[in-house]
């Protein structure tokens, strides 16, 4: 069963900065989110992923708790690597306490999603071990120290579409 998601999307300037990082990876001949050509592909921070029914149930809470916080500047603390190979490489985002509390409340409504959240914006997925060093080197060239979260959307994989819940 495909997973539905609630995602925080970035403002225009932050979106462009991340897309520049995606383009730098492509220019270096490396995996990049820029190679994902879906119309819904945009830099984002996933709040949670779950089945349709669970996301249906928590969507109003997400709008009530996260919507009023937008737009909001969040710090970026460098690069994080996920997985045991192939890897995902992302910008690590440090939410402030108010955002962290709101996300925790939203995630607390989903069984099994109440812990373990690592806020991040994905730069590349399916990175082979042999390419990981080069991906990290390209990512190190960026001096991104913050992003502005400007909206909340829902990803519906059944319809292959996104819907804005708050903000842009």
N, C-alpha and C. Protein backbone atom coordinates (compact mmCIF):
# COMPACT_ATOMS: atom_id res chain seq x y z
N UNK A 1 0.85 -1.18 0.00
CA UNK A 1 0.00 0.00 0.00
C UNK A 1 0.90 1.24 0.00
N UNK A 2 0.69 2.14 -0.94
CA UNK A 2 1.50 3.37 -0.99
C UNK A 2 1.26 4.23 0.25
N UNK A 3 2.33 4.92 0.67
CA UNK A 3 2.25 5.76 1.86
C UNK A 3 1.90 7.20 1.48
N UNK A 4 0.90 7.72 2.15
CA UNK A 4 0.54 9.13 2.04
C UNK A 4 1.48 9.91 2.95
N UNK A 5 1.65 11.20 2.69
CA UNK A 5 2.59 11.98 3.50
C UNK A 5 2.08 13.39 3.74
N UNK A 6 2.47 13.93 4.89
CA UNK A 6 2.31 15.35 5.18
C UNK A 6 3.70 15.94 5.11
N UNK A 7 3.84 17.03 4.35
CA UNK A 7 5.16 17.61 4.09
C UNK A 7 5.14 19.12 4.27
N UNK A 8 6.20 19.64 4.87
CA UNK A 8 6.40 21.08 4.94
C UNK A 8 7.21 21.48 3.71
N UNK A 9 6.68 22.44 2.93
CA UNK A 9 7.37 22.90 1.73
C UNK A 9 8.04 24.24 2.00
N UNK A 10 9.04 24.54 1.19
CA UNK A 10 9.88 25.71 1.39
C UNK A 10 9.37 26.92 0.62
N UNK A 11 9.83 28.09 1.04
CA UNK A 11 9.50 29.29 0.28
C UNK A 11 10.29 29.28 -1.03
N UNK A 12 10.01 30.23 -1.89
CA UNK A 12 10.61 30.25 -3.23
C UNK A 12 12.14 30.31 -3.17
N UNK A 13 12.69 31.17 -2.32
CA UNK A 13 14.15 31.33 -2.25
C UNK A 13 14.82 30.07 -1.71
N UNK A 14 14.27 29.47 -0.65
CA UNK A 14 14.86 28.26 -0.08
C UNK A 14 14.73 27.09 -1.06
N UNK A 15 13.60 26.99 -1.72
CA UNK A 15 13.39 25.96 -2.74
C UNK A 15 14.47 26.09 -3.82
N UNK A 16 14.72 27.31 -4.27
CA UNK A 16 15.73 27.54 -5.31
C UNK A 16 17.13 27.14 -4.84
N UNK A 17 17.46 27.44 -3.59
CA UNK A 17 18.78 27.07 -3.05
C UNK A 17 18.97 25.55 -3.04
N UNK A 18 17.94 24.83 -2.63
CA UNK A 18 18.03 23.37 -2.62
C UNK A 18 18.12 22.84 -4.05
N UNK A 19 17.32 23.40 -4.95
CA UNK A 19 17.38 22.96 -6.35
C UNK A 19 18.76 23.24 -6.95
N UNK A 20 19.42 24.31 -6.52
CA UNK A 20 20.80 24.57 -6.96
C UNK A 20 21.73 23.45 -6.50
N UNK A 21 21.50 22.95 -5.28
CA UNK A 21 22.31 21.84 -4.78
C UNK A 21 22.02 20.57 -5.58
N UNK A 22 20.75 20.35 -5.91
CA UNK A 22 20.41 19.20 -6.76
C UNK A 22 21.13 19.31 -8.10
N UNK A 23 21.13 20.52 -8.68
CA UNK A 23 21.76 20.73 -9.99
C UNK A 23 23.27 20.52 -9.91
N UNK A 24 23.90 20.93 -8.82
CA UNK A 24 25.34 20.73 -8.66
C UNK A 24 25.68 19.24 -8.64
N UNK A 25 24.84 18.45 -8.02
CA UNK A 25 25.07 16.99 -8.01
C UNK A 25 24.94 16.42 -9.42
N UNK A 26 23.92 16.84 -10.15
CA UNK A 26 23.75 16.38 -11.53
C UNK A 26 24.96 16.78 -12.37
N UNK A 27 25.43 18.03 -12.22
CA UNK A 27 26.58 18.52 -12.99
C UNK A 27 27.83 17.71 -12.69
N UNK A 28 27.92 17.14 -11.50
CA UNK A 28 29.06 16.31 -11.12
C UNK A 28 28.86 14.84 -11.52
N UNK A 29 27.74 14.55 -12.18
CA UNK A 29 27.47 13.19 -12.62
C UNK A 29 27.04 12.26 -11.49
N UNK A 30 26.39 12.83 -10.48
CA UNK A 30 26.01 12.07 -9.29
C UNK A 30 24.50 11.98 -9.15
N UNK A 31 24.01 11.03 -8.36
CA UNK A 31 22.57 10.96 -8.11
C UNK A 31 22.07 12.25 -7.47
N UNK A 32 20.83 12.61 -7.79
CA UNK A 32 20.25 13.86 -7.29
C UNK A 32 18.74 13.76 -7.36
N UNK A 33 18.08 14.46 -6.44
CA UNK A 33 16.62 14.55 -6.50
C UNK A 33 16.16 15.25 -7.77
N UNK A 34 17.04 15.99 -8.43
CA UNK A 34 16.69 16.65 -9.69
C UNK A 34 16.35 15.61 -10.76
N UNK A 35 16.82 14.40 -10.59
CA UNK A 35 16.56 13.34 -11.58
C UNK A 35 15.19 12.69 -11.38
N UNK A 36 14.49 13.10 -10.35
CA UNK A 36 13.12 12.61 -10.10
C UNK A 36 12.18 13.60 -10.77
N UNK A 37 11.57 13.20 -11.86
CA UNK A 37 10.88 14.15 -12.74
C UNK A 37 9.38 14.29 -12.49
N UNK A 38 8.88 13.78 -11.39
CA UNK A 38 7.46 13.93 -11.09
C UNK A 38 7.11 15.40 -10.86
N UNK A 39 5.92 15.79 -11.27
CA UNK A 39 5.46 17.17 -11.06
C UNK A 39 5.39 17.52 -9.58
N UNK A 40 5.24 16.51 -8.72
CA UNK A 40 5.14 16.76 -7.27
C UNK A 40 6.51 16.86 -6.60
N UNK A 41 7.58 16.60 -7.34
CA UNK A 41 8.92 16.63 -6.75
C UNK A 41 9.33 18.06 -6.43
N UNK A 42 9.45 18.34 -5.15
CA UNK A 42 9.88 19.65 -4.68
C UNK A 42 10.60 19.46 -3.35
N UNK A 43 11.58 20.32 -3.07
CA UNK A 43 12.23 20.22 -1.75
C UNK A 43 11.19 20.34 -0.64
N UNK A 44 11.29 19.45 0.33
CA UNK A 44 10.31 19.43 1.42
C UNK A 44 10.90 18.73 2.64
N UNK A 45 10.22 18.88 3.76
CA UNK A 45 10.54 18.18 5.00
C UNK A 45 9.32 17.33 5.33
N UNK A 46 9.48 16.01 5.30
CA UNK A 46 8.36 15.12 5.58
C UNK A 46 8.05 15.16 7.08
N UNK A 47 6.81 15.43 7.41
CA UNK A 47 6.34 15.42 8.79
C UNK A 47 6.01 13.98 9.19
N UNK A 48 5.30 13.27 8.31
CA UNK A 48 5.00 11.86 8.55
C UNK A 48 4.54 11.20 7.28
N UNK A 49 4.67 9.88 7.24
CA UNK A 49 4.15 9.04 6.17
C UNK A 49 3.33 7.94 6.83
N UNK A 50 2.18 7.65 6.26
CA UNK A 50 1.31 6.61 6.80
C UNK A 50 0.29 6.23 5.74
N UNK A 51 -0.54 5.26 6.06
CA UNK A 51 -1.58 4.88 5.11
C UNK A 51 -2.64 5.98 5.00
N UNK A 52 -3.47 5.87 3.99
CA UNK A 52 -4.47 6.91 3.69
C UNK A 52 -5.35 7.23 4.90
N UNK A 53 -5.85 6.20 5.56
CA UNK A 53 -6.78 6.42 6.66
C UNK A 53 -6.11 7.18 7.81
N UNK A 54 -4.90 6.84 8.13
CA UNK A 54 -4.19 7.51 9.22
C UNK A 54 -3.94 8.98 8.88
N UNK A 55 -3.53 9.25 7.65
CA UNK A 55 -3.27 10.64 7.26
C UNK A 55 -4.58 11.42 7.17
N UNK A 56 -5.65 10.78 6.70
CA UNK A 56 -6.97 11.43 6.71
C UNK A 56 -7.32 11.90 8.12
N UNK A 57 -7.06 11.02 9.09
CA UNK A 57 -7.43 11.33 10.48
C UNK A 57 -6.60 12.45 11.08
N UNK A 58 -5.34 12.53 10.73
CA UNK A 58 -4.44 13.50 11.37
C UNK A 58 -4.34 14.82 10.59
N UNK A 59 -4.82 14.83 9.37
CA UNK A 59 -4.70 16.04 8.54
C UNK A 59 -5.25 17.30 9.21
N UNK A 60 -6.44 17.27 9.83
CA UNK A 60 -6.94 18.49 10.48
C UNK A 60 -6.03 18.96 11.62
N UNK A 61 -5.48 18.04 12.39
CA UNK A 61 -4.57 18.39 13.48
C UNK A 61 -3.32 19.05 12.92
N UNK A 62 -2.81 18.51 11.82
CA UNK A 62 -1.61 19.08 11.20
C UNK A 62 -1.87 20.51 10.76
N UNK A 63 -3.01 20.75 10.12
CA UNK A 63 -3.34 22.10 9.70
C UNK A 63 -3.47 23.06 10.87
N UNK A 64 -4.11 22.59 11.94
CA UNK A 64 -4.31 23.44 13.13
C UNK A 64 -3.01 23.74 13.86
N UNK A 65 -2.12 22.76 13.95
CA UNK A 65 -0.89 22.93 14.74
C UNK A 65 0.25 23.54 13.93
N UNK A 66 0.39 23.14 12.67
CA UNK A 66 1.52 23.62 11.88
C UNK A 66 1.19 24.87 11.06
N UNK A 67 -0.04 24.96 10.57
CA UNK A 67 -0.42 26.11 9.76
C UNK A 67 -0.10 27.45 10.38
N UNK A 68 -0.46 27.69 11.66
CA UNK A 68 -0.19 29.00 12.26
C UNK A 68 1.30 29.32 12.45
N UNK A 69 2.15 28.32 12.35
CA UNK A 69 3.59 28.55 12.52
C UNK A 69 4.26 29.05 11.24
N UNK A 70 3.53 29.00 10.13
CA UNK A 70 4.12 29.30 8.83
C UNK A 70 3.93 30.76 8.46
N UNK A 71 4.87 31.38 7.76
CA UNK A 71 6.20 30.85 7.43
C UNK A 71 7.11 30.85 8.65
N UNK A 72 8.15 30.04 8.59
CA UNK A 72 9.05 29.88 9.73
C UNK A 72 10.43 29.53 9.23
N UNK A 73 11.44 30.21 9.77
CA UNK A 73 12.83 29.93 9.42
C UNK A 73 13.37 28.85 10.33
N UNK A 74 13.94 27.81 9.73
CA UNK A 74 14.55 26.72 10.47
C UNK A 74 16.03 26.64 10.11
N UNK A 75 16.85 26.35 11.08
CA UNK A 75 18.29 26.23 10.85
C UNK A 75 18.63 24.94 10.12
N UNK A 76 19.71 25.00 9.36
CA UNK A 76 20.25 23.82 8.69
C UNK A 76 21.63 23.57 9.29
N UNK A 77 21.87 22.31 9.67
CA UNK A 77 23.10 21.99 10.42
C UNK A 77 24.07 21.14 9.63
N UNK A 78 24.01 21.12 8.34
CA UNK A 78 24.95 20.33 7.56
C UNK A 78 24.26 19.20 6.84
N UNK A 79 25.00 18.12 6.65
CA UNK A 79 24.56 17.00 5.84
C UNK A 79 24.41 15.76 6.71
N UNK A 80 23.41 14.95 6.39
CA UNK A 80 23.19 13.68 7.09
C UNK A 80 23.07 12.58 6.03
N UNK A 81 23.56 11.38 6.39
CA UNK A 81 23.49 10.22 5.51
C UNK A 81 22.59 9.18 6.17
N UNK A 82 21.63 8.66 5.40
CA UNK A 82 20.72 7.63 5.89
C UNK A 82 20.97 6.33 5.15
N UNK A 83 20.76 5.23 5.83
CA UNK A 83 20.79 3.92 5.19
C UNK A 83 22.12 3.22 5.31
N UNK A 84 22.11 1.99 4.85
CA UNK A 84 23.31 1.16 4.87
C UNK A 84 23.81 0.86 3.48
N UNK A 85 23.29 1.53 2.51
CA UNK A 85 23.69 1.37 1.13
C UNK A 85 22.62 0.61 0.35
N UNK A 86 22.16 1.16 -0.76
CA UNK A 86 22.49 2.52 -1.17
C UNK A 86 21.99 3.54 -0.15
N UNK A 87 22.56 4.72 -0.21
CA UNK A 87 22.35 5.74 0.81
C UNK A 87 21.44 6.86 0.31
N UNK A 88 20.88 7.59 1.27
CA UNK A 88 20.20 8.85 0.99
C UNK A 88 21.03 9.93 1.68
N UNK A 89 21.19 11.05 1.01
CA UNK A 89 21.95 12.18 1.55
C UNK A 89 21.01 13.37 1.61
N UNK A 90 21.03 14.08 2.75
CA UNK A 90 20.08 15.17 2.96
C UNK A 90 20.71 16.29 3.76
N UNK A 91 20.09 17.46 3.68
CA UNK A 91 20.40 18.57 4.56
C UNK A 91 19.67 18.32 5.87
N UNK A 92 20.38 18.34 6.98
CA UNK A 92 19.79 18.16 8.29
C UNK A 92 19.18 19.48 8.73
N UNK A 93 17.91 19.46 9.08
CA UNK A 93 17.19 20.66 9.51
C UNK A 93 16.97 20.58 11.01
N UNK A 94 17.20 21.70 11.70
CA UNK A 94 17.03 21.76 13.15
C UNK A 94 15.79 22.58 13.47
N UNK A 95 14.67 21.92 13.76
CA UNK A 95 13.46 22.67 14.08
C UNK A 95 13.57 23.35 15.44
N UNK A 96 12.97 24.53 15.56
CA UNK A 96 12.92 25.19 16.86
C UNK A 96 11.95 24.42 17.75
N UNK A 97 11.90 24.77 19.03
CA UNK A 97 11.10 24.02 20.00
C UNK A 97 9.61 24.04 19.67
N UNK A 98 9.09 25.17 19.19
CA UNK A 98 7.67 25.26 18.87
C UNK A 98 7.30 24.35 17.70
N UNK A 99 8.15 24.35 16.67
CA UNK A 99 7.92 23.47 15.52
C UNK A 99 8.04 22.01 15.94
N UNK A 100 9.06 21.71 16.72
CA UNK A 100 9.26 20.35 17.20
C UNK A 100 8.06 19.86 18.01
N UNK A 101 7.52 20.71 18.88
CA UNK A 101 6.34 20.34 19.67
C UNK A 101 5.12 20.11 18.78
N UNK A 102 4.93 20.97 17.79
CA UNK A 102 3.78 20.82 16.89
C UNK A 102 3.89 19.54 16.07
N UNK A 103 5.07 19.27 15.54
CA UNK A 103 5.27 18.03 14.76
C UNK A 103 5.09 16.82 15.67
N UNK A 104 5.60 16.90 16.89
CA UNK A 104 5.44 15.79 17.83
C UNK A 104 3.98 15.51 18.13
N UNK A 105 3.19 16.57 18.27
CA UNK A 105 1.76 16.38 18.51
C UNK A 105 1.08 15.72 17.32
N UNK A 106 1.42 16.19 16.12
CA UNK A 106 0.83 15.60 14.91
C UNK A 106 1.22 14.13 14.79
N UNK A 107 2.51 13.85 14.93
CA UNK A 107 2.99 12.47 14.81
C UNK A 107 2.44 11.58 15.92
N UNK A 108 2.15 12.15 17.07
CA UNK A 108 1.62 11.38 18.19
C UNK A 108 0.24 10.81 17.93
N UNK A 109 -0.46 11.31 16.92
CA UNK A 109 -1.78 10.80 16.56
C UNK A 109 -1.70 9.55 15.68
N UNK A 110 -0.50 9.20 15.22
CA UNK A 110 -0.31 8.04 14.35
C UNK A 110 0.44 6.97 15.13
N UNK A 111 -0.14 5.82 15.27
CA UNK A 111 0.51 4.72 15.97
C UNK A 111 1.84 4.39 15.30
N UNK A 112 2.91 4.39 16.09
CA UNK A 112 4.23 4.07 15.58
C UNK A 112 4.99 5.24 15.00
N UNK A 113 4.36 6.42 14.92
CA UNK A 113 5.03 7.59 14.33
C UNK A 113 5.33 8.64 15.38
N UNK A 114 5.26 8.27 16.65
CA UNK A 114 5.41 9.27 17.71
C UNK A 114 6.85 9.54 18.10
N UNK A 115 7.79 8.92 17.48
CA UNK A 115 9.20 9.17 17.78
C UNK A 115 10.04 8.95 16.53
N UNK A 116 11.31 9.27 16.62
CA UNK A 116 12.23 8.97 15.54
C UNK A 116 12.23 9.91 14.36
N UNK A 117 11.65 11.09 14.51
CA UNK A 117 11.62 12.04 13.39
C UNK A 117 12.94 12.76 13.25
N UNK A 118 13.51 12.75 12.07
CA UNK A 118 14.72 13.50 11.76
C UNK A 118 14.35 14.46 10.63
N UNK A 119 14.23 15.74 10.96
CA UNK A 119 13.86 16.74 9.96
C UNK A 119 15.00 16.90 8.96
N UNK A 120 14.68 16.79 7.67
CA UNK A 120 15.71 16.88 6.64
C UNK A 120 15.07 17.21 5.29
N UNK A 121 15.91 17.71 4.39
CA UNK A 121 15.53 17.93 3.00
C UNK A 121 16.46 17.06 2.16
N UNK A 122 15.89 16.12 1.44
CA UNK A 122 16.69 15.16 0.68
C UNK A 122 17.38 15.82 -0.51
N UNK A 123 18.66 15.51 -0.65
CA UNK A 123 19.45 15.96 -1.80
C UNK A 123 19.57 14.86 -2.85
N UNK A 124 19.81 13.62 -2.38
CA UNK A 124 20.00 12.50 -3.30
C UNK A 124 19.59 11.20 -2.62
N UNK A 125 19.04 10.30 -3.42
CA UNK A 125 18.70 8.96 -2.94
C UNK A 125 19.41 7.95 -3.83
N UNK A 126 19.47 6.73 -3.33
CA UNK A 126 20.09 5.63 -4.07
C UNK A 126 21.55 5.94 -4.42
N UNK A 127 22.27 6.49 -3.47
CA UNK A 127 23.68 6.82 -3.66
C UNK A 127 24.50 5.56 -3.34
N UNK A 128 25.28 5.11 -4.30
CA UNK A 128 26.14 3.94 -4.11
C UNK A 128 27.30 4.32 -3.18
N UNK A 129 27.83 3.33 -2.49
CA UNK A 129 28.94 3.56 -1.56
C UNK A 129 30.10 4.24 -2.26
N UNK A 130 30.37 3.87 -3.50
CA UNK A 130 31.49 4.45 -4.24
C UNK A 130 31.30 5.92 -4.60
N UNK A 131 30.06 6.38 -4.59
CA UNK A 131 29.76 7.78 -4.91
C UNK A 131 29.55 8.65 -3.67
N UNK A 132 29.45 8.03 -2.52
CA UNK A 132 29.08 8.77 -1.32
C UNK A 132 30.06 9.90 -1.00
N UNK A 133 31.34 9.64 -1.08
CA UNK A 133 32.34 10.67 -0.79
C UNK A 133 32.21 11.87 -1.72
N UNK A 134 31.99 11.61 -2.99
CA UNK A 134 31.85 12.70 -3.96
C UNK A 134 30.57 13.50 -3.71
N UNK A 135 29.48 12.80 -3.37
CA UNK A 135 28.23 13.51 -3.05
C UNK A 135 28.44 14.42 -1.85
N UNK A 136 29.10 13.91 -0.83
CA UNK A 136 29.36 14.73 0.36
C UNK A 136 30.27 15.91 0.03
N UNK A 137 31.23 15.70 -0.84
CA UNK A 137 32.12 16.79 -1.25
C UNK A 137 31.35 17.90 -1.97
N UNK A 138 30.47 17.52 -2.89
CA UNK A 138 29.66 18.52 -3.59
C UNK A 138 28.74 19.24 -2.60
N UNK A 139 28.11 18.48 -1.72
CA UNK A 139 27.21 19.09 -0.73
C UNK A 139 27.95 20.04 0.19
N UNK A 140 29.21 19.74 0.49
CA UNK A 140 30.00 20.60 1.38
C UNK A 140 30.26 21.97 0.75
N UNK A 141 30.11 22.08 -0.56
CA UNK A 141 30.32 23.35 -1.23
C UNK A 141 29.24 24.37 -0.97
N UNK A 142 28.13 23.93 -0.41
CA UNK A 142 27.03 24.84 -0.11
C UNK A 142 27.20 25.44 1.28
N UNK A 143 26.80 26.66 1.43
CA UNK A 143 26.85 27.32 2.73
C UNK A 143 25.45 27.61 3.25
N UNK A 144 24.51 26.74 2.91
CA UNK A 144 23.13 26.90 3.35
C UNK A 144 23.06 26.73 4.86
N UNK A 145 22.56 27.75 5.56
CA UNK A 145 22.46 27.64 7.02
C UNK A 145 21.03 27.77 7.54
N UNK A 146 20.07 27.88 6.61
CA UNK A 146 18.69 27.94 7.03
C UNK A 146 17.75 27.83 5.84
N UNK A 147 16.52 27.41 6.12
CA UNK A 147 15.46 27.37 5.11
C UNK A 147 14.21 27.98 5.73
N UNK A 148 13.37 28.51 4.87
CA UNK A 148 12.08 29.03 5.32
C UNK A 148 11.01 28.04 4.89
N UNK A 149 10.30 27.51 5.89
CA UNK A 149 9.17 26.62 5.64
C UNK A 149 7.96 27.53 5.43
N UNK A 150 7.31 27.40 4.27
CA UNK A 150 6.24 28.32 3.91
C UNK A 150 4.88 27.66 3.73
N UNK A 151 4.84 26.33 3.74
CA UNK A 151 3.57 25.67 3.50
C UNK A 151 3.54 24.25 4.03
N UNK A 152 2.35 23.72 4.08
CA UNK A 152 2.11 22.34 4.47
C UNK A 152 1.26 21.72 3.38
N UNK A 153 1.68 20.57 2.89
CA UNK A 153 0.93 19.89 1.84
C UNK A 153 0.76 18.41 2.16
N UNK A 154 -0.15 17.81 1.44
CA UNK A 154 -0.35 16.37 1.55
C UNK A 154 -0.01 15.74 0.21
N UNK A 155 0.79 14.67 0.27
CA UNK A 155 1.10 13.88 -0.91
C UNK A 155 0.16 12.69 -0.93
N UNK A 156 -0.57 12.54 -2.02
CA UNK A 156 -1.49 11.43 -2.21
C UNK A 156 -0.94 10.57 -3.35
N UNK A 157 -0.31 9.43 -3.01
CA UNK A 157 0.28 8.60 -4.06
C UNK A 157 -0.75 7.87 -4.91
N UNK A 158 -1.95 7.70 -4.39
CA UNK A 158 -2.99 7.04 -5.17
C UNK A 158 -3.42 7.91 -6.35
N UNK A 159 -3.51 9.20 -6.11
CA UNK A 159 -3.89 10.15 -7.17
C UNK A 159 -2.67 10.79 -7.83
N UNK A 160 -1.49 10.55 -7.22
CA UNK A 160 -0.24 11.14 -7.70
C UNK A 160 -0.33 12.67 -7.74
N UNK A 161 -0.82 13.24 -6.63
CA UNK A 161 -0.97 14.69 -6.57
C UNK A 161 -0.72 15.18 -5.14
N UNK A 162 -0.44 16.47 -5.07
CA UNK A 162 -0.30 17.12 -3.78
C UNK A 162 -1.46 18.09 -3.60
N UNK A 163 -1.76 18.37 -2.33
CA UNK A 163 -2.80 19.34 -2.00
C UNK A 163 -2.28 20.22 -0.89
N UNK A 164 -2.37 21.54 -1.06
CA UNK A 164 -1.92 22.49 -0.04
C UNK A 164 -2.91 22.49 1.10
N UNK A 165 -2.37 22.37 2.34
CA UNK A 165 -3.20 22.41 3.53
C UNK A 165 -3.06 23.73 4.26
N UNK A 166 -1.90 24.37 4.13
CA UNK A 166 -1.64 25.67 4.79
C UNK A 166 -0.49 26.35 4.06
N UNK A 167 -0.53 27.68 4.05
CA UNK A 167 0.56 28.43 3.42
C UNK A 167 0.55 28.29 1.92
N UNK A 168 1.75 28.26 1.34
CA UNK A 168 1.86 28.23 -0.12
C UNK A 168 1.70 26.85 -0.69
